Structures are given as structure tokens and as C-alpha cells.
Protein backbone atom coordinates (compact mmCIF):
# COMPACT_ATOMS: atom_id res chain seq x y z
CA MET A 1 151.34 25.29 113.96
CA LYS A 2 149.25 26.77 111.20
CA ILE A 3 145.66 27.61 112.15
CA SER A 4 143.13 27.59 109.31
CA LEU A 5 140.36 30.10 109.97
CA ASN A 6 138.36 29.25 106.83
CA LYS A 7 138.09 25.62 107.83
CA SER A 8 137.03 25.98 111.44
CA LEU A 9 134.30 28.12 112.94
CA LYS A 10 135.67 27.17 116.36
CA ASN A 11 139.08 28.69 115.54
CA ARG A 12 137.42 31.90 114.34
CA LEU A 13 135.40 32.16 117.55
CA ILE A 14 138.49 31.62 119.73
CA LEU A 15 140.58 34.11 117.74
CA SER A 16 137.77 36.68 117.83
CA LEU A 17 137.47 36.38 121.60
CA ILE A 18 141.25 36.80 121.95
CA LEU A 19 141.25 39.86 119.69
CA MET A 20 138.35 41.38 121.63
CA LEU A 21 140.20 40.82 124.93
CA ILE A 22 143.41 42.50 123.71
CA PRO A 23 142.04 46.11 123.97
CA PHE A 24 140.88 45.44 127.54
CA VAL A 25 144.28 44.01 128.45
CA VAL A 26 145.92 47.11 126.96
CA LEU A 27 143.45 49.29 128.86
CA GLY A 28 144.22 47.50 132.14
CA TRP A 29 147.96 47.84 131.54
CA THR A 30 147.49 51.56 130.76
CA VAL A 31 145.54 52.16 133.96
CA PHE A 32 148.11 50.24 136.01
CA TYR A 33 151.02 52.12 134.44
CA SER A 34 149.28 55.47 134.98
CA LEU A 35 148.53 54.68 138.62
CA GLN A 36 152.15 53.69 139.17
CA SER A 37 153.31 56.92 137.53
CA HIS A 38 150.98 58.95 139.73
CA LYS A 39 152.14 57.10 142.79
CA LYS A 40 155.78 57.89 142.00
CA VAL A 41 155.00 61.59 141.54
CA ILE A 42 152.98 61.74 144.74
CA ASP A 43 155.61 59.79 146.70
CA HIS A 44 158.30 62.13 145.41
CA LEU A 45 156.20 65.12 146.35
CA MET A 46 155.43 63.80 149.82
CA THR A 47 159.08 62.95 150.39
CA GLU A 48 160.20 66.38 149.29
CA VAL A 49 157.54 68.11 151.39
CA SER A 50 158.42 65.99 154.37
CA THR A 51 162.12 66.54 153.85
CA GLU A 52 161.96 70.29 153.26
CA LYS A 53 158.99 71.61 155.21
CA ASP A 54 159.17 69.51 158.36
CA PRO A 55 162.60 70.86 159.47
CA LEU A 56 161.54 74.42 158.66
CA MET A 57 158.32 74.11 160.62
CA ARG A 58 160.33 72.78 163.56
CA LEU A 59 162.78 75.67 163.12
CA GLN A 60 159.96 78.18 163.36
CA ALA A 61 158.43 76.51 166.39
CA LEU A 62 161.78 76.06 168.18
CA SER A 63 162.87 79.64 167.44
CA VAL A 64 159.70 80.89 169.11
CA GLN A 65 160.22 78.47 172.01
CA ALA A 66 163.87 79.46 172.44
CA LEU A 67 163.10 83.18 172.51
CA GLN A 68 160.08 82.89 174.81
CA PRO A 69 162.11 82.95 178.08
CA VAL A 70 164.11 85.86 176.71
CA ASN A 71 160.90 87.78 176.04
CA LEU A 72 159.57 86.99 179.50
CA ASN A 73 162.85 88.14 181.12
CA LEU A 74 162.92 91.33 179.17
CA MET A 75 159.33 92.02 180.14
CA LYS A 76 160.34 91.45 183.82
CA TYR A 77 157.95 88.56 184.20
CA GLU A 78 160.67 86.08 185.19
CA THR A 79 164.45 85.76 185.38
CA LEU A 80 166.22 84.57 182.24
CA SER A 81 167.58 81.05 182.52
CA LYS A 82 170.48 80.15 180.29
CA LYS A 83 169.46 76.51 180.31
CA ASP A 84 166.01 77.40 178.96
CA PHE A 85 167.66 78.84 175.85
CA ILE A 86 170.63 76.53 175.27
CA GLU A 87 168.64 73.29 174.77
CA PRO A 88 166.32 74.54 171.99
CA ALA A 89 169.23 76.53 170.51
CA LYS A 90 171.24 73.32 170.06
CA THR A 91 168.29 71.69 168.33
CA ILE A 92 167.90 74.71 166.04
CA ASP A 93 171.60 74.54 165.10
CA LEU A 94 171.26 70.86 164.24
CA LEU A 95 168.16 71.53 162.13
CA PHE A 96 169.96 74.26 160.20
CA LYS A 97 172.90 71.95 159.49
CA LYS A 98 170.56 69.15 158.45
CA SER A 99 168.49 71.44 156.22
CA LEU A 100 171.52 72.95 154.48
CA LYS A 101 172.70 69.44 153.56
CA LEU A 102 169.46 68.75 151.64
CA ASP A 103 169.55 68.67 147.84
CA PHE A 104 167.32 71.63 146.96
CA ASP A 105 166.32 72.07 143.33
CA GLN A 106 166.21 75.87 143.60
CA VAL A 107 169.08 78.23 144.53
CA GLU A 108 166.56 80.65 146.05
CA LYS A 109 165.70 78.13 148.77
CA ILE A 110 169.36 77.72 149.75
CA GLU A 111 169.86 81.51 149.89
CA LEU A 112 166.77 81.96 152.10
CA LEU A 113 167.91 79.19 154.42
CA GLU A 114 171.43 80.63 154.68
CA LYS A 115 170.03 84.09 155.49
CA ALA A 116 167.74 82.55 158.12
CA GLN A 117 170.78 80.82 159.64
CA GLN A 118 172.69 84.10 159.71
CA ASN A 119 169.75 85.74 161.50
CA TRP A 120 169.67 82.90 163.97
CA GLN A 121 173.40 83.21 164.61
CA LYS A 122 173.01 86.92 165.38
CA ILE A 123 170.07 86.16 167.68
CA LYS A 124 172.06 83.52 169.49
CA ASP A 125 175.07 85.84 169.89
CA GLN A 126 172.95 88.62 171.36
CA VAL A 127 171.17 86.23 173.73
CA PHE A 128 174.49 84.88 174.99
CA LEU A 129 175.57 88.48 175.41
CA LEU A 130 172.64 88.95 177.74
CA PHE A 131 173.91 85.99 179.76
CA SER A 132 177.27 87.63 180.21
CA GLU A 133 177.98 89.56 183.37
CA GLY A 134 178.29 93.30 183.47
CA VAL A 135 175.63 94.11 180.91
CA GLU A 136 174.19 97.46 181.67
CA GLU A 137 170.51 98.31 181.40
CA ASN A 138 171.00 100.75 178.58
CA GLN A 139 172.76 98.01 176.53
CA LYS A 140 169.86 95.60 177.01
CA GLU A 141 167.59 97.81 174.96
CA THR A 142 170.03 97.73 172.03
CA ILE A 143 170.51 93.95 172.35
CA THR A 144 166.75 93.43 172.52
CA LYS A 145 166.23 95.46 169.36
CA ILE A 146 168.87 93.42 167.51
CA ILE A 147 167.29 90.14 168.74
CA PHE A 148 163.78 91.13 167.63
CA ASP A 149 164.90 92.57 164.30
CA ASN A 150 166.80 89.41 163.41
CA ASN A 151 163.97 87.26 164.69
CA MET A 152 161.58 89.12 162.36
CA GLU A 153 163.98 88.59 159.45
CA LEU A 154 164.40 84.94 160.46
CA GLN A 155 160.63 84.37 160.39
CA GLU A 156 160.35 86.26 157.10
CA HIS A 157 163.07 84.11 155.49
CA LEU A 158 161.52 80.91 156.77
CA SER A 159 158.08 82.04 155.61
CA ALA A 160 159.52 82.98 152.21
CA PHE A 161 161.08 79.52 152.04
CA GLN A 162 157.70 77.92 152.76
CA ILE A 163 156.02 80.12 150.16
CA THR A 164 158.61 79.00 147.61
CA ALA A 165 158.03 75.39 148.63
CA SER A 166 154.26 75.94 148.36
CA ASP A 167 154.71 77.36 144.86
CA GLU A 168 156.72 74.32 143.96
CA LEU A 169 154.02 72.13 145.51
CA HIS A 170 151.47 73.92 143.36
CA LYS A 171 153.54 73.18 140.29
CA TYR A 172 153.65 69.55 141.30
CA GLN A 173 149.89 69.63 141.72
CA ILE A 174 149.54 71.06 138.20
CA THR A 175 151.84 68.30 136.92
CA ILE A 176 149.75 65.68 138.69
CA ASN A 177 146.56 67.15 137.24
CA GLU A 178 148.10 67.15 133.78
CA LYS A 179 149.16 63.54 134.20
CA ARG A 180 145.71 62.66 135.51
CA PHE A 181 144.08 64.39 132.51
CA ASN A 182 146.46 62.66 130.11
CA THR A 183 145.69 59.37 131.80
CA TYR A 184 141.95 59.93 131.50
CA MET A 185 142.35 60.85 127.85
CA LEU A 186 144.56 57.80 127.27
CA ILE A 187 142.00 55.58 128.98
CA LEU A 188 139.20 57.19 126.97
CA VAL A 189 141.04 56.83 123.66
CA THR A 190 142.09 53.28 124.49
CA SER A 191 138.52 52.43 125.48
CA LEU A 192 137.12 53.91 122.28
CA ILE A 193 139.70 52.13 120.15
CA GLY A 194 139.10 48.90 122.05
CA LEU A 195 135.35 49.27 121.72
CA SER A 196 135.62 50.05 118.01
CA PHE A 197 137.99 47.15 117.52
CA SER A 198 135.65 44.83 119.42
CA ILE A 199 132.66 46.04 117.38
CA VAL A 200 134.52 45.44 114.10
CA ILE A 201 135.62 41.97 115.22
CA SER A 202 132.07 41.21 116.39
CA LEU A 203 130.60 42.38 113.09
CA LEU A 204 133.09 40.32 111.07
CA LEU A 205 132.43 37.30 113.26
CA ALA A 206 128.67 37.81 113.02
CA ARG A 207 128.93 38.17 109.24
CA SER A 208 130.97 34.97 108.95
CA ILE A 209 128.17 33.16 110.80
CA LEU A 210 125.01 35.02 109.75
CA ARG A 211 125.80 35.14 106.03
CA PRO A 212 126.08 31.33 105.67
CA MET A 213 123.01 30.99 107.90
CA GLN A 214 121.10 33.37 105.62
CA ILE A 215 122.27 31.42 102.58
CA LEU A 216 121.12 28.22 104.28
CA ASN A 217 117.77 29.79 105.12
CA ASP A 218 117.28 31.02 101.54
CA GLY A 219 118.24 27.58 100.24
CA THR A 220 115.74 25.95 102.58
CA GLN A 221 113.02 28.30 101.32
CA GLN A 222 113.92 27.46 97.72
CA LEU A 223 113.75 23.78 98.56
CA ALA A 224 110.42 24.21 100.36
CA ASN A 225 109.05 26.02 97.28
CA GLY A 226 109.96 23.04 95.12
CA ASN A 227 113.13 24.37 93.49
CA LEU A 228 115.26 21.25 93.88
CA LYS A 229 117.83 22.55 91.38
CA HIS A 230 118.93 25.27 93.79
CA ARG A 231 122.47 24.86 95.18
CA LEU A 232 124.26 26.82 97.88
CA GLN A 233 127.46 28.74 97.18
CA ILE A 234 130.04 27.54 99.69
CA GLU A 235 132.51 30.25 100.78
CA ASN A 236 134.36 28.52 103.65
CA GLN A 237 135.20 24.94 104.53
CA ASP A 238 134.25 25.31 108.20
CA GLU A 239 131.43 23.62 110.10
CA LEU A 240 128.83 25.75 108.34
CA GLY A 241 130.50 25.05 105.00
CA LYS A 242 130.25 21.31 105.67
CA LEU A 243 126.60 21.80 106.59
CA MET A 244 126.07 23.59 103.27
CA GLU A 245 127.80 20.73 101.44
CA THR A 246 125.43 18.32 103.15
CA PHE A 247 122.51 20.55 102.13
CA ASN A 248 123.66 20.50 98.48
CA TYR A 249 124.06 16.73 98.58
CA MET A 250 120.60 16.39 100.10
CA ALA A 251 119.10 18.69 97.43
CA GLN A 252 120.84 16.68 94.70
CA ARG A 253 119.47 13.41 96.09
CA LEU A 254 115.99 14.92 96.39
CA GLN A 255 116.19 16.15 92.80
CA GLN A 256 117.30 12.71 91.63
CA ASN A 257 114.54 11.04 93.60
CA GLN A 258 111.99 13.50 92.26
CA GLU A 259 113.18 12.88 88.71
CA THR A 260 112.97 9.15 89.32
CA LEU A 261 109.46 9.46 90.76
CA SER A 262 108.49 11.83 87.96
CA ASN A 263 109.72 9.35 85.39
CA LEU A 264 107.87 6.54 87.11
CA ALA A 265 104.72 8.66 87.20
CA THR A 266 104.96 10.14 83.68
CA ARG A 267 107.08 7.70 81.66
CA ASP A 268 106.35 4.25 80.33
CA SER A 269 108.76 1.82 81.97
CA LEU A 270 109.27 -0.30 78.81
CA THR A 271 109.72 2.34 76.11
CA GLY A 272 110.71 5.49 78.10
CA LEU A 273 108.00 7.50 76.30
CA TYR A 274 105.38 9.56 78.14
CA ASN A 275 102.54 7.39 79.47
CA HIS A 276 98.80 7.66 78.79
CA LYS A 277 98.10 10.02 81.73
CA GLU A 278 100.96 12.39 80.90
CA PHE A 279 99.90 12.39 77.24
CA PHE A 280 96.53 13.93 78.10
CA ARG A 281 98.12 16.48 80.47
CA ILE A 282 100.54 17.64 77.76
CA LEU A 283 97.78 17.65 75.13
CA HIS A 284 95.61 19.84 77.40
CA GLU A 285 98.45 22.38 77.88
CA GLU A 286 99.32 22.47 74.16
CA LEU A 287 95.71 23.01 73.12
CA GLU A 288 95.42 25.92 75.55
CA ARG A 289 98.64 27.42 74.21
CA SER A 290 97.43 26.84 70.63
CA GLU A 291 94.16 28.65 71.34
CA ARG A 292 96.04 31.52 73.06
CA TYR A 293 98.51 32.09 70.18
CA SER A 294 96.36 30.75 67.28
CA HIS A 295 98.84 28.02 66.34
CA PRO A 296 97.82 24.62 64.98
CA VAL A 297 98.55 21.37 66.81
CA SER A 298 98.72 18.01 65.05
CA LEU A 299 98.30 14.55 66.54
CA LEU A 300 99.54 11.22 65.16
CA MET A 301 98.03 7.98 66.46
CA LEU A 302 100.20 4.93 65.59
CA ASP A 303 99.29 1.24 65.88
CA LEU A 304 101.52 -1.76 65.16
CA ASP A 305 100.18 -4.02 62.41
CA ASN A 306 99.62 -7.69 63.29
CA PHE A 307 101.24 -7.20 66.70
CA LYS A 308 99.14 -9.99 68.31
CA ASN A 309 100.32 -12.49 65.74
CA ILE A 310 103.97 -11.49 66.42
CA ASN A 311 103.47 -12.01 70.14
CA ASP A 312 101.86 -15.39 69.54
CA SER A 313 104.45 -16.64 67.04
CA LYS A 314 107.68 -15.01 68.24
CA GLY A 315 106.93 -14.51 71.92
CA HIS A 316 106.32 -11.54 74.13
CA LEU A 317 110.04 -10.73 74.35
CA ALA A 318 110.07 -10.16 70.61
CA GLY A 319 106.96 -8.00 71.01
CA ASP A 320 108.72 -5.96 73.72
CA ALA A 321 111.72 -5.51 71.41
CA ILE A 322 109.42 -4.17 68.68
CA LEU A 323 107.78 -1.74 71.10
CA ARG A 324 111.20 -0.45 72.22
CA LYS A 325 112.36 -0.12 68.62
CA VAL A 326 109.28 1.88 67.62
CA SER A 327 109.87 4.24 70.56
CA GLU A 328 113.50 4.70 69.44
CA ILE A 329 112.35 5.55 65.91
CA ILE A 330 109.81 8.04 67.22
CA MET A 331 112.34 9.81 69.49
CA LYS A 332 114.89 9.91 66.67
CA GLU A 333 112.54 11.40 64.07
CA ILE A 334 110.58 13.97 66.10
CA ARG A 335 111.78 17.43 67.09
CA ASN A 336 112.80 18.55 70.57
CA THR A 337 109.54 20.45 70.86
CA ASP A 338 107.45 17.36 69.98
CA PHE A 339 106.18 14.69 72.39
CA GLY A 340 106.27 10.92 71.93
CA CYS A 341 103.84 8.89 74.06
CA ARG A 342 102.80 5.28 74.51
CA TYR A 343 99.04 5.48 74.37
CA GLY A 344 98.46 1.91 75.47
CA GLY A 345 99.30 -1.64 74.38
CA ASP A 346 100.72 -1.43 70.86
CA GLU A 347 99.39 2.11 70.27
CA PHE A 348 101.55 5.23 70.25
CA ALA A 349 100.77 8.95 70.06
CA VAL A 350 102.96 11.74 68.70
CA LEU A 351 102.00 15.35 69.57
CA LEU A 352 103.32 18.01 67.18
CA PRO A 353 102.90 21.60 68.56
CA GLU A 354 102.75 24.49 66.04
CA THR A 355 102.47 21.99 63.16
CA ASP A 356 99.77 22.02 60.46
CA GLY A 357 98.38 18.95 58.68
CA GLU A 358 100.80 19.07 55.76
CA LYS A 359 103.94 19.10 57.92
CA ALA A 360 102.41 16.50 60.20
CA TYR A 361 101.88 14.23 57.20
CA GLU A 362 105.57 14.60 56.29
CA MET A 363 106.51 13.52 59.81
CA ALA A 364 104.13 10.53 59.62
CA ASP A 365 105.57 9.53 56.26
CA ARG A 366 109.13 9.54 57.64
CA LEU A 367 108.06 7.39 60.57
CA LEU A 368 106.29 4.92 58.26
CA LYS A 369 109.21 4.58 55.83
CA THR A 370 111.76 4.18 58.66
CA THR A 371 109.62 1.48 60.26
CA VAL A 372 109.26 -0.48 57.02
CA LYS A 373 113.04 -0.56 56.61
CA THR A 374 113.67 -1.70 60.17
CA LYS A 375 114.40 -5.33 61.04
CA ILE A 376 114.92 -6.61 64.56
CA PRO A 377 117.41 -9.49 65.01
CA LEU A 378 116.25 -12.52 66.98
CA LYS A 379 118.04 -15.69 68.06
CA LYS A 380 119.67 -18.05 65.52
CA ASP A 381 120.10 -15.41 62.80
CA ASP A 382 116.36 -14.86 62.67
CA THR A 383 114.97 -11.35 62.11
CA ILE A 384 111.55 -9.83 62.27
CA SER A 385 110.05 -6.86 60.48
CA PHE A 386 106.85 -4.99 61.25
CA GLY A 387 104.60 -2.26 59.97
CA ILE A 388 102.48 0.55 61.42
CA SER A 389 99.25 2.30 60.62
CA ILE A 390 98.93 6.03 61.33
CA GLY A 391 95.94 8.27 61.85
CA LEU A 392 96.45 12.05 61.64
CA ALA A 393 94.28 14.89 62.97
CA THR A 394 94.96 18.65 63.32
CA TYR A 395 93.55 21.16 65.82
CA PRO A 396 91.33 23.07 65.30
CA ASP A 397 90.41 21.89 61.76
CA ASP A 398 89.64 18.26 62.68
CA GLY A 399 88.53 18.78 66.27
CA GLN A 400 88.03 21.86 68.41
CA SER A 401 88.45 20.09 71.75
CA MET A 402 90.81 17.56 73.26
CA VAL A 403 88.28 14.72 73.10
CA LYS A 404 87.23 15.51 69.49
CA LEU A 405 90.87 15.77 68.33
CA VAL A 406 91.82 12.39 69.86
CA SER A 407 88.63 10.83 68.49
CA ALA A 408 89.35 12.17 64.99
CA ALA A 409 92.92 10.82 65.00
CA ASP A 410 91.69 7.48 66.42
CA ASN A 411 89.00 7.12 63.74
CA ALA A 412 91.57 7.90 61.03
CA LEU A 413 93.79 5.16 62.51
CA TYR A 414 90.99 2.62 62.31
CA ILE A 415 90.38 3.51 58.66
CA ALA A 416 94.11 3.11 57.96
CA LYS A 417 94.04 -0.40 59.41
CA ASP A 418 90.87 -1.25 57.46
CA GLU A 419 92.44 -0.04 54.21
CA GLY A 420 95.34 -2.49 54.30
CA LYS A 421 97.59 -1.27 57.09
CA ASN A 422 101.06 0.30 56.67
CA THR A 423 99.03 3.36 55.71
CA ILE A 424 98.58 7.00 56.73
CA ILE A 425 95.06 8.40 56.89
CA CYS A 426 94.32 12.06 57.61
CA ALA A 427 91.12 12.90 59.43
CA GLY A 428 90.27 15.64 56.92
CA THR A 429 90.70 13.28 53.96
CA TYR A 430 88.60 10.61 55.66
CA SER A 431 85.80 13.13 56.27
CA LYS A 432 85.81 14.14 52.63
CA LYS A 433 85.64 10.49 51.54
CA GLN A 434 82.72 9.89 53.79
CA LYS A 435 81.03 12.87 52.37
CA GLY A 436 81.81 11.75 48.84
CA GLN A 437 80.43 8.28 49.46
CA LYS A 438 77.21 9.79 50.57
């Protein structure tokens, strides 16, 4: 079964825990194996010590015990009893036979044991000679010397054997210490590797969780700061990835809702142009920018001619159609940097940033000519045409404030309607006429 790690945070957590447990399992197995290895070495050592040294220690003890009555007899403390010697002698013979059958790993041990047996055999022969009848006193001294000389050699050979065994024991101890050191080093290395491995896995796991969480947090901050266009970059399709998808969907819906609310608050519902309130906000910003960079700003105020009569004769639906058509003409003719607004009722405003009076007049003339050519179809093959009057004012020539600029364009519009409609009047021209009339 294929396990997808990018699609499940749960699977990553489980796999990470398993991977972090592996070094500890390996460490436990290493410790167990090392302990078993040590146990085998120690068991082997104890077996060998028990097998080799125990018989020899008994040989030494029994040889002393067997010769004790002989020593006492020779020193005239008591009479030698053959029975006192024969019983331990038999045991010593059996121990020598048993020891010589052992599988020694060194030839030196076998040679020492064989020499000790030879010494024992000579001792035994001389002791039995003492038991024989007709032994003269002068012979006893010779026999005693032979017994003690061989006994000394016997003890020396047995002691040499034990020294050799002790040396071998020391070597075993060194081997055990080496194994113990190697085990400690293996445990240390395994622990370090396991710890490093666990740290790497933990860091990777933490990164796979903390990075998306940080992205989510940053996205939330962006959203809280009003940046509804911000979207999260989704790296995995796990639970956090799905949460990020939900976040993006939520941000998209919020952006759409904000745009809808913004349109409702700033746009005219019938024509789609900016409304009266938004017109003054934009005009305020453009006048500030114009003053900062010394650029002119022109304003066109448009009013439909005889609009009330059209509403009364053709109906309000026809009037709404005319209003929509005028807004279409405005949006088609103006630039992307210009602003078309519905000022109120049948009045429209067109704001032209970085545009002087001459270029503004050209724009007004295009709007007027396009409007004159336009006919709106009604029911039963009926059509309706309409005209507009336009007043034009330019900042700062015709008004050095927002109120004065709007008032100048509005006054020019009234003059245009008084002079026969379907006309363009510039505020500067109107001022000159007034002055000329005076």
C-alpha cells in the first residue's frame, strides 16, 4: 500500500516517530548483543578456571595432606600409618589422570602437569619404600631427601601451572576490557548517530509543520492589514495544505465581497459610473496631486437636454436607457486615467487629470458629437435621440479650490443650456463674455 507523505500530516508524524525509534531499537539490540558476548566470554573464562585451577588446588592441598603423616613420622612425633597415605594418594592419582585429560590450549601447561605427575610418582614410590620392611635408618635419610626434593619440585610445577593460568586469566581480562571498551564506544557512537538522526527527523518534521504555520500567520497578518489580494503558496496537500486552500478561498470571497461593497458604496447602480460621493473624493485627491506636481486638471459637467420631457413622453424606462447609454459613451471615449461619474439625476461629471482646457475641449467635443449620432431603439420600431450640454472648467485657471472648480464648471453648464443646449461652454470663455458685456 502506497503511503503519501505530502497528503497527510498524520502519516508524516507516524513515520517520523518510527524513524526516531529505530536508533533506540538498534541501541537496545547493540547493548543486548554486547552483554551476551560478555557473558559468553566470562562463562568460558569461569569454566576454564574452574576446570583447570580447581583440580590443581586440590592436588596441592592433597599432596600436603598426604605427606603430613610422613613428616610427622620422620620427625618421630608419631608412627607412620600406611592407610593415612594411601587414601589421599589415590585421590591425587585420580586428579592427575583427570587433569591430563583436559583440553589445554597451551603445551606449557601439559608439560608442567606431566612433570608434577612424575614428581608425585617418585614421592609415592619413596613413601611406599618407607612402608617396606627392612629399611635401615641410614636409608631413611636418603629416602626423605628424595621425597622432599620431589615435593618441592611438585609444588613448583603446580605453582608454575597456576601462574601460567593466571597469565592467561589476565589476558582474558584484557580481552574483556577491550570488548567492554568497544561496547561502550559502539553504544556511544550509536547513541550519537541515533540522537543526530532523531534531531534531523525532528527538524524536518518541525519544518514541515512550522513553515506552513508561518505562511498561514503571515497570510493572516496580510488579511488583517487589508490586503485581500494576498494568497498563500500551497506546498503540500496535507491537512495544513487543505487549511491553506480554505484560507485562500476565504480571502477570495472576502475580496469579492469587498469589491461588491466597494462598488455599492462608490458606484452608481444604474450606470456603473462613480457616484456623487466618490466623485468628490477622487476630485480632492487629483487636486492635491495637481498642486504637488503642477499639472492641470479639467472637469466636464454634462446634463441631458429635455430629459424631463423624455421621461414624461416615453416613460422612465426609456429615461433609464438613455442614462445607461450616456455612461457607455463616456466610458468608451475617456482614457484609463480619467474618471466618469454620475453627479446626480441626469447630470454627469468627467474628471480629466493632467489635461489642460484645450485637450479637455477636444474630449467634450467628441462626447457631444457621439451623443448626437446615437439613437436608442424602443418598442415597435420606435427610436429616440437625445442631446447634452457641457460645461468645462480647468484647475487652477478657472478655480483654485475644489468648490470653485465645480462651481465654475456648473455655471458654464447653465450657460450652455441657456444658449440653446447641445453646446459646450468653457468657464474661461464665459468669464470673458461677462467681462465684455460689462
